[in-house]
Amino acid sequence: MTKVRWSKMSLRIKFIFLIGIVVVISYGITFYRTSQFQNELVLSQAARQARMLHTQILMTRQWVADHNGLFFLRQAGVDVNPFLTEPEIIDAQGNRYVKRNPAMVTRELSAYAGKAGFCDYRVTTLKTINPANAPDPWEEKGLLLFEQGVEEVLEFAQKNNQRILRYMAPLPVEESCLECHAFQGYQLGDIRGGLSVTIPVDWAYASIARNNRMLLFIATITIFVVGLTIYLLIDLLVVRRLGILEKAMENYPAQKPAPAHLPEGSDEIGRLAGKFNDFCQRLDTSQTELERTRQQVFQSEKLAALGRLAAGVAHEVNNPLGGMLNCVKSMSENPDDQALHRRYLQLMDKGLKRIGTIVQQLLNFGRQEPLRYRLASIDELIKESFVLLEYGLKKIDLQLDLALPAPYPIEAAALQQIIVNITLNALQAMPEGGSFSVATRLQDEMAVLTFKDQGQGIAEENLPRIFDPFFTTKDVGEGTGLGLAVTYALVQRLDGSILVESSAGQGTAFIVRLPLNPKTDETTR
C-alpha cells in the first residue's frame, strides 16, 4: 500500500518530502549537538567557577595558617572556639583576643557568602573534632574516593527547588596543619579531609534554556527558508520544465515538437528535450517507412492470394471457353442452321459474360487503393468473394446465414480481402472437404461476421501467435504466414476487432466485428 502511494506521488512532492527529511534531520542533529555543546560549556563554566572559588578559599586558609591564625578583639558575637588548645590570649592592657584558625575562618566566611546567596562552603573530614564538620552522605562518599587517589568530585543536584553544583577537593596535611592536627595522627601529605563548595547554578540552566530557545528559533527559520528556496528552485528548474516536456509528449503526434514547445537549456532536462525531439523525428521517419512497408506487405499478400485464386478460377474460365469452342465448331459445320446459331450465340454470350465477371472480380481484388468507404451490402460482398473461391469450394459444404442485405458505409475492398483470407485459411485446413459456415449479424451498431470450419483446428499453444507475421504451421511452400497477419492489420485499420476460437481437431471459428459508423468525416483515408 505504501509503495503504491509513493509511486503515485508527483516528483515535486517526492523531492520536497525527501529533501525536507534531510534538512530536518541535518538541522536536528546540528541543533542537538549545538545545544549539547553549549550545555556542556555553561556547566563547565560553573564547574570552573567552583574550582576558582575552591582555590581562593584554600589561599585564604593558607594565609591564615601561615600567620598562625587570626586574633580578634573579643566582643559580642565574637565567641571563643572551644576546640582550640589556645582559643584566647590577653595582652598587657588586659584586652582579650580570640583566635580564629583556618577552619573557623572558612566557616564564618561561608556564612557570609550564604547570606548573600553567592555560595556555601565548608571543611569536612571523616575524623571530626567539631561535630559541625561531619560530612553528609555525598561528602562522605567523596572523602572515601580521595583516599583512593581521586583528585576531585563534582555533582549537579537540586536542593530546595534550586539547582546547585557541589564540588569538593581533598585537603592534604601541610606543615602549618600539624600544629592543630598532629595529635590526630596525621603526617605531612596525608589527606585529612576535604573542602566542599556548593554554588547555585540556576543562572546556568536559565542561560541554557534561553540559548536553546534561540537555537530552536534560528533552526526553524532556517529550515523554512531553506525548504522554501529548495521548493522554488525545484519547481522552477525541474518540475515546470518537465511539465512542458510532458505536455509536448502528450500532444505528439498531433502537434510536432518545436523548440518553442520544449524546455530550453543545456542541462540534463534540456538535453532530454533535445533527445525527445530527435526521437520524434526518427519515429516519424520510421512510421512513414513502416506504412510504406505495410502497404507493400498487404499488396504482396493480396497478390499471393490472387495467385491462389487464379489457379482455381482458371478451371472456371476453361469450362465456358470449352463450351464456346464446341459452339463455334458446330456453327461452322452447320452454317445454314439459323436456329442452331441463335441458340449457340446465346450460350456464347452467357459464357463470355461469366468470364468477364470473373476477370473483373480478379482485377478488383488485386487493385491497390487507399481505404475508401462507400455504401455496399456486406452479404453481397460475401457472395461475390465466394464466386472467386468457387473452384476451391467444390468439396465444401457451404452454409450461408446472411442477415445484412442493406447497404452500409464500409470499405468494400478491405472487407473482401478479409473474407477471402479467412476462407482460404479454412480451405487449407480442410483438404479433404468439410463444412464451412458464414453468418452475418447486426449487433450494437456493429457488423458481426462469423466464419466456422471443421478443419484441423489450432493447438492451444499456437493461438496467441496466429496473427504474428510469418508465423505458420503449414509445410514449406503451402503458406507465407502473412494471411492472418494482414487480416488482423486490416481489421485494426477499420477500427474493428477479430477473435479466434479453436482447439486441435475441433475446427476453428473467426469472429470479426466492424463498426458501421466509421470514425471519419471523409470518404477516403
Protein backbone atom coordinates (compact mmCIF):
# COMPACT_ATOMS: atom_id res chain seq x y z
CA MET A 1 0.00 0.00 0.00
CA THR A 2 2.86 2.37 0.92
CA LYS A 3 4.70 1.58 -2.33
CA VAL A 4 1.56 2.31 -4.34
CA ARG A 5 1.05 5.66 -2.60
CA TRP A 6 4.72 6.57 -3.10
CA SER A 7 4.60 5.66 -6.79
CA LYS A 8 1.52 7.89 -7.29
CA MET A 9 3.18 10.94 -5.72
CA SER A 10 4.33 13.69 -8.05
CA LEU A 11 8.02 14.37 -8.49
CA ARG A 12 7.62 17.75 -6.74
CA ILE A 13 6.15 16.13 -3.62
CA LYS A 14 8.82 13.39 -3.60
CA PHE A 15 11.62 15.97 -3.84
CA ILE A 16 10.13 18.18 -1.14
CA PHE A 17 9.43 15.21 1.14
CA LEU A 18 12.91 13.68 0.81
CA ILE A 19 14.82 16.96 0.95
CA GLY A 20 12.62 18.08 3.86
CA ILE A 21 13.56 14.94 5.77
CA VAL A 22 17.26 15.50 5.02
CA VAL A 23 17.08 19.17 6.07
CA VAL A 24 15.12 18.43 9.25
CA ILE A 25 17.46 15.58 10.23
CA SER A 26 20.56 17.66 9.44
CA TYR A 27 19.37 20.69 11.37
CA GLY A 28 18.02 18.47 14.12
CA ILE A 29 21.44 16.87 14.60
CA THR A 30 23.11 20.28 14.41
CA PHE A 31 20.66 21.74 16.92
CA TYR A 32 21.09 18.79 19.27
CA ARG A 33 24.88 18.89 19.12
CA THR A 34 24.97 22.69 19.47
CA SER A 35 22.56 22.57 22.39
CA GLN A 36 24.58 19.79 23.99
CA PHE A 37 27.82 21.70 23.43
CA GLN A 38 26.54 24.94 24.90
CA ASN A 39 25.04 22.95 27.78
CA GLU A 40 28.43 21.41 28.46
CA LEU A 41 30.08 24.81 28.01
CA VAL A 42 27.81 26.59 30.51
CA LEU A 43 28.09 23.80 33.06
CA SER A 44 31.86 23.65 32.59
CA GLN A 45 31.96 27.39 33.30
CA ALA A 46 30.04 26.73 36.50
CA ALA A 47 32.49 23.96 37.39
CA ARG A 48 35.40 26.27 36.63
CA GLN A 49 33.87 28.90 38.90
CA ALA A 50 33.65 26.29 41.67
CA ARG A 51 37.31 25.36 41.18
CA MET A 52 38.36 29.03 41.25
CA LEU A 53 36.35 29.59 44.43
CA HIS A 54 37.89 26.48 45.93
CA THR A 55 41.36 27.76 45.09
CA GLN A 56 40.54 31.16 46.59
CA ILE A 57 39.34 29.57 49.81
CA LEU A 58 42.46 27.42 50.01
CA MET A 59 44.64 30.51 49.56
CA THR A 60 42.69 32.28 52.31
CA ARG A 61 43.11 29.29 54.61
CA GLN A 62 46.79 29.10 53.72
CA TRP A 63 47.25 32.79 54.53
CA VAL A 64 45.51 32.31 57.91
CA ALA A 65 47.62 29.22 58.65
CA ASP A 66 50.88 30.94 57.63
CA HIS A 67 50.10 33.72 60.14
CA ASN A 68 49.28 31.25 62.93
CA GLY A 69 45.63 32.18 62.81
CA LEU A 70 43.81 35.47 63.22
CA PHE A 71 43.07 37.19 66.53
CA PHE A 72 40.04 39.38 67.04
CA LEU A 73 39.14 41.56 69.95
CA ARG A 74 36.61 39.68 71.99
CA GLN A 75 33.25 41.34 71.94
CA ALA A 76 29.60 40.47 71.45
CA GLY A 77 29.23 37.98 68.61
CA VAL A 78 32.92 37.00 68.66
CA ASP A 79 32.94 33.80 70.63
CA VAL A 80 35.77 31.56 71.74
CA ASN A 81 36.48 28.43 69.73
CA PRO A 82 36.27 25.62 72.30
CA PHE A 83 38.13 23.15 70.06
CA LEU A 84 41.45 25.07 70.11
CA THR A 85 44.17 24.50 72.70
CA GLU A 86 44.75 28.26 72.96
CA PRO A 87 41.43 29.76 71.98
CA GLU A 88 42.10 33.12 73.66
CA ILE A 89 45.01 35.47 74.62
CA ILE A 90 45.20 38.55 76.85
CA ASP A 91 47.55 41.47 76.15
CA ALA A 92 49.34 43.69 78.68
CA GLN A 93 46.46 46.10 78.82
CA GLY A 94 44.06 43.27 79.67
CA ASN A 95 42.33 43.13 76.31
CA ARG A 96 41.03 39.70 75.40
CA TYR A 97 41.59 38.34 71.88
CA VAL A 98 40.01 35.20 70.46
CA LYS A 99 41.82 33.06 67.91
CA ARG A 100 40.42 32.12 64.54
CA ASN A 101 42.05 29.13 62.85
CA PRO A 102 41.63 28.33 59.10
CA ALA A 103 38.63 26.05 59.69
CA MET A 104 36.72 28.66 61.67
CA VAL A 105 37.59 31.42 59.21
CA THR A 106 36.30 29.18 56.44
CA ARG A 107 33.06 28.51 58.30
CA GLU A 108 32.39 32.13 59.16
CA LEU A 109 33.17 33.38 55.61
CA SER A 110 30.83 30.67 54.26
CA ALA A 111 28.05 32.01 56.48
CA TYR A 112 28.51 35.48 54.99
CA ALA A 113 28.56 34.07 51.43
CA GLY A 114 25.45 32.01 52.15
CA LYS A 115 23.52 35.05 53.40
CA ALA A 116 24.42 36.87 50.19
CA GLY A 117 23.20 33.87 48.13
CA PHE A 118 26.59 33.60 46.50
CA CYS A 119 27.80 30.19 47.63
CA ASP A 120 28.27 27.86 50.56
CA TYR A 121 31.45 26.01 51.54
CA ARG A 122 32.88 24.16 54.46
CA VAL A 123 35.64 21.81 55.58
CA THR A 124 34.65 18.24 56.38
CA THR A 125 36.53 15.14 57.44
CA LEU A 126 35.98 11.59 58.46
CA LYS A 127 37.89 12.29 61.75
CA THR A 128 35.91 15.16 63.14
CA ILE A 129 36.80 17.24 66.18
CA ASN A 130 33.92 19.63 65.72
CA PRO A 131 30.64 17.73 65.09
CA ALA A 132 29.56 20.57 62.77
CA ASN A 133 32.24 19.40 60.34
CA ALA A 134 30.75 15.93 59.98
CA PRO A 135 30.22 15.00 56.28
CA ASP A 136 26.86 14.38 54.66
CA PRO A 137 26.44 11.21 52.54
CA TRP A 138 27.72 12.83 49.34
CA GLU A 139 30.74 14.32 51.13
CA GLU A 140 31.46 11.04 52.88
CA LYS A 141 31.49 9.25 49.56
CA GLY A 142 33.88 11.86 48.18
CA LEU A 143 36.22 11.58 51.13
CA LEU A 144 36.44 7.83 50.61
CA LEU A 145 37.26 8.43 46.94
CA PHE A 146 40.04 10.86 47.94
CA GLU A 147 41.66 8.11 49.96
CA GLN A 148 41.70 6.05 46.71
CA GLY A 149 43.54 8.80 44.84
CA VAL A 150 40.62 10.70 43.25
CA GLU A 151 41.53 14.38 42.91
CA GLU A 152 38.04 15.92 42.90
CA VAL A 153 34.33 15.10 42.87
CA LEU A 154 31.60 17.14 41.21
CA GLU A 155 27.83 16.81 41.04
CA PHE A 156 24.86 18.80 39.76
CA ALA A 157 21.91 18.35 42.06
CA GLN A 158 18.72 20.03 43.21
CA LYS A 159 18.09 21.32 46.72
CA ASN A 160 15.10 23.29 47.97
CA ASN A 161 13.79 23.76 44.40
CA GLN A 162 17.15 25.19 43.42
CA ARG A 163 19.76 23.68 41.14
CA ILE A 164 23.20 23.56 42.71
CA LEU A 165 26.72 22.50 41.86
CA ARG A 166 28.57 20.60 44.55
CA TYR A 167 32.33 20.47 44.32
CA MET A 168 34.86 19.01 46.71
CA ALA A 169 38.61 18.53 46.57
CA PRO A 170 40.94 16.97 49.18
CA LEU A 171 42.85 18.90 51.85
CA PRO A 172 46.36 17.46 52.26
CA VAL A 173 48.24 17.88 55.55
CA GLU A 174 50.85 20.63 55.33
CA GLU A 175 53.44 21.86 57.82
CA SER A 176 51.14 24.53 59.16
CA CYS A 177 48.34 21.99 59.73
CA LEU A 178 50.34 19.83 62.12
CA GLU A 179 50.13 22.43 64.88
CA CYS A 180 46.41 21.68 65.29
CA HIS A 181 46.06 18.17 63.89
CA ALA A 182 49.25 16.35 64.77
CA PHE A 183 47.61 14.80 67.83
CA GLN A 184 45.15 13.02 65.46
CA GLY A 185 47.99 11.05 63.98
CA TYR A 186 48.25 12.92 60.70
CA GLN A 187 51.58 13.17 58.94
CA LEU A 188 52.76 15.54 56.30
CA GLY A 189 50.98 14.80 52.95
CA ASP A 190 48.07 12.84 54.43
CA ILE A 191 44.51 13.58 53.32
CA ARG A 192 42.83 14.88 56.43
CA GLY A 193 39.55 15.95 54.83
CA GLY A 194 38.04 17.91 52.01
CA LEU A 195 36.82 21.39 51.18
CA SER A 196 33.21 21.19 49.97
CA VAL A 197 31.83 24.05 47.85
CA THR A 198 28.16 24.47 46.90
CA ILE A 199 27.23 27.03 44.19
CA PRO A 200 23.70 27.88 42.95
CA VAL A 201 23.56 27.27 39.18
CA ASP A 202 20.01 28.31 38.31
CA TRP A 203 21.61 31.06 36.27
CA ALA A 204 23.44 28.44 34.19
CA TYR A 205 20.28 26.45 33.42
CA ALA A 206 18.40 29.67 32.66
CA SER A 207 21.16 30.57 30.21
CA ILE A 208 20.94 27.08 28.66
CA ALA A 209 17.15 27.36 28.25
CA ARG A 210 17.48 30.83 26.72
CA ASN A 211 20.15 29.65 24.30
CA ASN A 212 18.08 26.58 23.36
CA ARG A 213 15.07 28.74 22.56
CA MET A 214 17.23 30.96 20.41
CA LEU A 215 18.75 27.95 18.63
CA LEU A 216 15.32 26.44 18.06
CA PHE A 217 14.03 29.71 16.61
CA ILE A 218 17.04 30.03 14.32
CA ALA A 219 16.73 26.37 13.25
CA THR A 220 13.02 26.78 12.49
CA ILE A 221 13.55 29.93 10.45
CA THR A 222 16.50 28.35 8.62
CA ILE A 223 14.57 25.16 7.80
CA PHE A 224 11.66 27.24 6.49
CA VAL A 225 13.91 29.47 4.35
CA VAL A 226 15.96 26.54 3.02
CA GLY A 227 12.83 24.47 2.37
CA LEU A 228 11.10 27.33 0.54
CA THR A 229 14.22 28.05 -1.51
CA ILE A 230 14.60 24.39 -2.48
CA TYR A 231 10.90 24.18 -3.35
CA LEU A 232 11.11 27.23 -5.63
CA LEU A 233 14.31 26.00 -7.27
CA ILE A 234 12.88 22.50 -7.88
CA ASP A 235 9.65 23.97 -9.21
CA LEU A 236 11.44 26.45 -11.48
CA LEU A 237 14.37 24.34 -12.69
CA VAL A 238 12.83 20.84 -12.73
CA VAL A 239 9.07 20.49 -12.30
CA ARG A 240 7.91 23.27 -14.64
CA ARG A 241 10.33 22.25 -17.35
CA LEU A 242 9.34 18.61 -17.03
CA GLY A 243 5.71 19.76 -17.26
CA ILE A 244 6.50 21.50 -20.56
CA LEU A 245 8.18 18.33 -21.83
CA GLU A 246 5.24 16.22 -20.63
CA LYS A 247 2.77 18.46 -22.49
CA ALA A 248 4.85 18.21 -25.67
CA MET A 249 4.90 14.42 -25.35
CA GLU A 250 1.16 14.34 -24.72
CA ASN A 251 0.42 16.45 -27.81
CA TYR A 252 2.62 14.31 -30.04
CA PRO A 253 1.97 13.25 -32.81
CA ALA A 254 -0.97 15.63 -33.29
CA GLN A 255 1.42 18.54 -32.69
CA LYS A 256 5.01 18.13 -33.77
CA PRO A 257 7.54 19.21 -31.12
CA ALA A 258 9.16 22.57 -31.77
CA PRO A 259 11.83 24.50 -29.81
CA ALA A 260 9.13 26.88 -28.57
CA HIS A 261 7.23 23.92 -27.09
CA LEU A 262 10.23 22.30 -25.35
CA PRO A 263 12.21 23.31 -22.23
CA GLU A 264 15.33 25.31 -23.03
CA GLY A 265 18.82 24.94 -21.61
CA SER A 266 21.87 22.72 -21.99
CA ASP A 267 21.44 20.89 -18.71
CA GLU A 268 20.06 17.36 -18.28
CA ILE A 269 16.43 18.34 -18.90
CA GLY A 270 17.38 20.48 -21.89
CA ARG A 271 19.37 17.58 -23.37
CA LEU A 272 16.45 15.24 -22.64
CA ALA A 273 14.13 17.60 -24.56
CA GLY A 274 16.58 17.57 -27.47
CA LYS A 275 16.70 13.77 -27.42
CA PHE A 276 12.89 13.68 -27.39
CA ASN A 277 12.80 15.95 -30.44
CA ASP A 278 15.31 13.70 -32.24
CA PHE A 279 13.31 10.65 -31.21
CA CYS A 280 10.10 12.14 -32.63
CA GLN A 281 11.82 12.86 -35.93
CA ARG A 282 13.18 9.30 -36.12
CA LEU A 283 9.76 7.95 -35.15
CA ASP A 284 8.07 9.96 -37.89
CA THR A 285 10.55 8.64 -40.41
CA SER A 286 10.13 5.09 -39.15
CA GLN A 287 6.35 5.43 -39.22
CA THR A 288 6.47 6.55 -42.82
CA GLU A 289 8.73 3.64 -43.74
CA LEU A 290 6.56 1.24 -41.73
CA GLU A 291 3.41 2.42 -43.51
CA ARG A 292 5.11 2.00 -46.86
CA THR A 293 6.33 -1.47 -45.90
CA ARG A 294 2.91 -2.42 -44.58
CA GLN A 295 1.27 -1.41 -47.81
CA GLN A 296 3.84 -3.49 -49.68
CA VAL A 297 3.16 -6.48 -47.43
CA PHE A 298 -0.59 -6.08 -47.87
CA GLN A 299 -0.26 -5.92 -51.61
CA SER A 300 2.18 -8.85 -51.68
CA GLU A 301 -0.21 -10.98 -49.66
CA LYS A 302 -3.09 -9.86 -51.87
CA LEU A 303 -1.15 -10.86 -54.95
CA ALA A 304 -0.27 -14.20 -53.36
CA ALA A 305 -3.94 -14.80 -52.61
CA LEU A 306 -4.74 -13.67 -56.14
CA GLY A 307 -2.34 -16.25 -57.46
CA ARG A 308 -4.04 -18.99 -55.43
CA LEU A 309 -7.43 -17.75 -56.67
CA ALA A 310 -6.27 -17.63 -60.27
CA ALA A 311 -5.29 -21.30 -60.16
CA GLY A 312 -8.85 -22.21 -59.22
CA VAL A 313 -10.53 -19.62 -61.41
CA ALA A 314 -8.65 -20.88 -64.46
CA HIS A 315 -10.77 -24.02 -64.33
CA GLU A 316 -13.94 -21.90 -64.13
CA VAL A 317 -12.79 -19.92 -67.20
CA ASN A 318 -11.83 -23.07 -69.16
CA ASN A 319 -15.30 -24.59 -68.78
CA PRO A 320 -17.19 -21.81 -70.64
CA LEU A 321 -14.29 -21.50 -73.10
CA GLY A 322 -14.55 -25.18 -73.92
CA GLY A 323 -18.29 -24.86 -74.40
CA MET A 324 -17.90 -21.84 -76.65
CA LEU A 325 -15.32 -23.68 -78.77
CA ASN A 326 -17.81 -26.53 -79.26
CA CYS A 327 -20.48 -23.97 -80.22
CA VAL A 328 -18.15 -22.37 -82.77
CA LYS A 329 -17.28 -25.79 -84.21
CA SER A 330 -20.96 -26.78 -84.51
CA MET A 331 -21.87 -23.44 -86.09
CA SER A 332 -19.05 -23.88 -88.59
CA GLU A 333 -20.27 -27.34 -89.51
CA ASN A 334 -23.88 -26.13 -89.89
CA PRO A 335 -23.62 -22.66 -91.47
CA ASP A 336 -27.23 -22.65 -92.63
CA ASP A 337 -28.89 -23.74 -89.37
CA GLN A 338 -30.12 -20.37 -88.08
CA ALA A 339 -31.93 -21.85 -85.09
CA LEU A 340 -28.71 -23.56 -84.02
CA HIS A 341 -26.81 -20.34 -84.48
CA ARG A 342 -29.26 -18.34 -82.37
CA ARG A 343 -29.20 -20.91 -79.56
CA TYR A 344 -25.37 -21.16 -79.57
CA LEU A 345 -24.93 -17.38 -79.77
CA GLN A 346 -26.96 -17.01 -76.59
CA LEU A 347 -24.82 -19.66 -74.87
CA MET A 348 -21.63 -17.96 -76.08
CA ASP A 349 -22.89 -14.56 -74.83
CA LYS A 350 -23.64 -16.05 -71.41
CA GLY A 351 -20.22 -17.72 -71.25
CA LEU A 352 -18.38 -14.55 -72.24
CA LYS A 353 -20.25 -12.53 -69.63
CA ARG A 354 -19.36 -15.11 -66.97
CA ILE A 355 -15.69 -14.95 -67.99
CA GLY A 356 -15.81 -11.13 -67.93
CA THR A 357 -17.35 -11.12 -64.46
CA ILE A 358 -14.69 -13.48 -63.08
CA VAL A 359 -11.85 -11.45 -64.65
CA GLN A 360 -13.29 -8.15 -63.38
CA GLN A 361 -13.54 -9.52 -59.84
CA LEU A 362 -9.93 -10.67 -60.02
CA LEU A 363 -8.89 -7.19 -61.16
CA ASN A 364 -10.86 -5.53 -58.37
CA PHE A 365 -9.36 -7.85 -55.79
CA GLY A 366 -5.81 -7.17 -56.94
CA ARG A 367 -6.19 -3.36 -57.15
CA GLN A 368 -4.20 -1.35 -54.55
CA GLU A 369 -6.21 1.64 -53.26
CA PRO A 370 -6.43 3.66 -50.02
CA LEU A 371 -9.33 2.96 -47.69
CA ARG A 372 -12.47 4.27 -49.35
CA TYR A 373 -15.82 3.98 -47.61
CA ARG A 374 -18.93 3.60 -49.74
CA LEU A 375 -22.42 2.18 -49.37
CA ALA A 376 -22.37 -1.55 -50.04
CA SER A 377 -24.12 -4.72 -48.90
CA ILE A 378 -21.94 -6.96 -46.76
CA ASP A 379 -23.93 -10.03 -47.77
CA GLU A 380 -23.39 -9.26 -51.47
CA LEU A 381 -19.65 -8.80 -50.91
CA ILE A 382 -19.52 -12.22 -49.27
CA LYS A 383 -21.33 -13.81 -52.21
CA GLU A 384 -19.04 -12.07 -54.73
CA SER A 385 -15.98 -13.28 -52.83
CA PHE A 386 -17.25 -16.86 -52.95
CA VAL A 387 -17.59 -16.57 -56.74
CA LEU A 388 -13.80 -16.15 -56.83
CA LEU A 389 -13.45 -19.10 -54.45
CA GLU A 390 -15.99 -21.28 -56.25
CA TYR A 391 -13.41 -23.79 -57.53
CA GLY A 392 -11.96 -24.34 -54.02
CA LEU A 393 -15.44 -24.72 -52.55
CA LYS A 394 -16.42 -27.73 -54.69
CA LYS A 395 -15.64 -30.19 -51.86
CA ILE A 396 -17.01 -27.89 -49.17
CA ASP A 397 -20.50 -27.88 -47.70
CA LEU A 398 -21.00 -24.10 -47.70
CA GLN A 399 -23.68 -22.82 -45.33
CA LEU A 400 -24.63 -19.15 -45.51
CA ASP A 401 -26.72 -17.45 -42.82
CA LEU A 402 -26.63 -13.84 -44.01
CA ALA A 403 -28.69 -11.10 -42.32
CA LEU A 404 -27.10 -7.86 -43.59
CA PRO A 405 -28.55 -7.26 -47.06
CA ALA A 406 -28.94 -3.50 -46.56
CA PRO A 407 -26.16 -1.18 -47.75
CA TYR A 408 -23.83 0.27 -45.09
CA PRO A 409 -20.83 2.63 -45.29
CA ILE A 410 -17.97 0.12 -45.46
CA GLU A 411 -14.58 -0.31 -47.11
CA ALA A 412 -15.52 -2.96 -49.67
CA ALA A 413 -12.04 -3.86 -50.95
CA ALA A 414 -10.58 -4.33 -47.45
CA LEU A 415 -13.60 -6.36 -46.31
CA GLN A 416 -13.40 -8.56 -49.39
CA GLN A 417 -9.74 -9.29 -48.72
CA ILE A 418 -10.59 -10.18 -45.10
CA ILE A 419 -13.29 -12.60 -46.30
CA VAL A 420 -11.01 -14.23 -48.89
CA ASN A 421 -8.04 -14.58 -46.49
CA ILE A 422 -10.14 -16.24 -43.77
CA THR A 423 -11.88 -18.52 -46.28
CA LEU A 424 -8.59 -19.59 -47.89
CA ASN A 425 -7.23 -20.35 -44.42
CA ALA A 426 -10.32 -22.51 -43.76
CA LEU A 427 -10.00 -24.33 -47.11
CA GLN A 428 -6.37 -25.18 -46.37
CA ALA A 429 -7.47 -26.58 -43.01
CA MET A 430 -9.97 -28.94 -44.78
CA PRO A 431 -8.02 -30.52 -47.69
CA GLU A 432 -10.47 -33.46 -47.82
CA GLY A 433 -13.56 -31.25 -47.61
CA GLY A 434 -15.97 -30.47 -44.80
CA SER A 435 -18.50 -27.96 -43.61
CA PHE A 436 -17.85 -24.20 -43.73
CA SER A 437 -20.45 -21.73 -42.44
CA VAL A 438 -20.61 -17.95 -42.68
CA ALA A 439 -23.08 -15.85 -40.69
CA THR A 440 -23.67 -12.09 -40.51
CA ARG A 441 -25.49 -10.20 -37.78
CA LEU A 442 -26.11 -6.61 -36.66
CA GLN A 443 -25.20 -6.09 -33.00
CA ASP A 444 -24.79 -2.74 -31.19
CA GLU A 445 -24.25 -0.88 -34.49
CA MET A 446 -21.53 -3.37 -35.34
CA ALA A 447 -21.41 -5.85 -38.20
CA VAL A 448 -20.54 -9.27 -36.78
CA LEU A 449 -19.17 -11.80 -39.28
CA THR A 450 -18.68 -15.38 -38.05
CA PHE A 451 -16.63 -17.93 -40.05
CA LYS A 452 -16.65 -21.56 -38.82
CA ASP A 453 -14.86 -24.54 -40.34
CA GLN A 454 -14.49 -28.22 -39.40
CA GLY A 455 -10.80 -28.31 -40.12
CA GLN A 456 -7.82 -29.48 -38.12
CA GLY A 457 -8.09 -26.66 -35.57
CA ILE A 458 -5.26 -24.76 -33.90
CA ALA A 459 -3.22 -26.03 -30.97
CA GLU A 460 -3.68 -24.03 -27.76
CA GLU A 461 -0.02 -23.02 -27.57
CA ASN A 462 -0.22 -21.53 -31.11
CA LEU A 463 -3.35 -19.43 -30.58
CA PRO A 464 -1.52 -16.33 -29.19
CA ARG A 465 0.74 -16.26 -32.29
CA ILE A 466 -1.56 -16.87 -35.24
CA PHE A 467 -1.73 -13.17 -36.11
CA ASP A 468 2.07 -12.74 -35.95
CA PRO A 469 3.68 -12.03 -39.33
CA PHE A 470 5.35 -15.07 -40.96
CA PHE A 471 4.02 -17.48 -38.33
CA THR A 472 2.57 -20.61 -39.96
CA THR A 473 2.07 -24.24 -39.07
CA LYS A 474 1.78 -25.29 -42.72
CA ASP A 475 4.50 -27.10 -44.61
CA VAL A 476 7.09 -25.18 -46.60
CA GLY A 477 5.55 -23.82 -49.79
CA GLU A 478 1.97 -24.05 -48.54
CA GLY A 479 1.77 -20.72 -46.72
CA THR A 480 3.66 -17.46 -46.14
CA GLY A 481 2.39 -16.75 -42.62
CA LEU A 482 1.11 -13.35 -43.74
CA GLY A 483 -2.57 -14.05 -44.50
CA LEU A 484 -3.92 -13.77 -40.96
CA ALA A 485 -1.39 -11.03 -40.07
CA VAL A 486 -2.68 -8.91 -42.95
CA THR A 487 -6.26 -9.75 -41.99
CA TYR A 488 -5.61 -8.60 -38.42
CA ALA A 489 -3.98 -5.36 -39.63
CA LEU A 490 -6.91 -4.64 -41.97
CA VAL A 491 -9.44 -5.19 -39.19
CA GLN A 492 -7.45 -2.79 -36.98
CA ARG A 493 -7.40 -0.15 -39.73
CA LEU A 494 -11.18 -0.47 -39.96
CA ASP A 495 -11.40 0.16 -36.15
CA GLY A 496 -12.75 -3.35 -35.65
CA SER A 497 -11.71 -6.47 -33.77
CA ILE A 498 -11.11 -10.11 -34.62
CA LEU A 499 -11.42 -13.07 -32.26
CA VAL A 500 -10.43 -16.70 -32.84
CA GLU A 501 -11.85 -19.74 -31.07
CA SER A 502 -10.24 -23.08 -31.77
CA SER A 503 -8.83 -26.29 -30.36
CA ALA A 504 -6.85 -29.06 -32.01
CA GLY A 505 -9.11 -31.38 -34.05
CA GLN A 506 -12.29 -29.38 -33.30
CA GLY A 507 -12.28 -26.80 -36.07
CA THR A 508 -11.85 -23.02 -35.91
CA ALA A 509 -14.14 -20.02 -35.68
CA PHE A 510 -13.17 -16.44 -36.61
CA ILE A 511 -15.43 -13.65 -35.33
CA VAL A 512 -14.93 -10.25 -36.99
CA ARG A 513 -16.62 -7.15 -35.60
CA LEU A 514 -16.63 -3.99 -37.71
CA PRO A 515 -18.24 -0.61 -36.92
CA LEU A 516 -20.93 0.51 -39.34
CA ASN A 517 -20.33 4.17 -38.46
CA PRO A 518 -16.61 4.59 -39.27
CA LYS A 519 -14.79 7.38 -37.42
CA THR A 520 -14.12 9.58 -40.43
CA ASP A 521 -15.79 12.63 -41.96
CA GLU A 522 -14.33 11.90 -45.37
CA THR A 523 -14.92 9.11 -47.85
CA THR A 524 -11.24 8.19 -48.02
CA ARG A 525 -8.35 7.94 -45.63
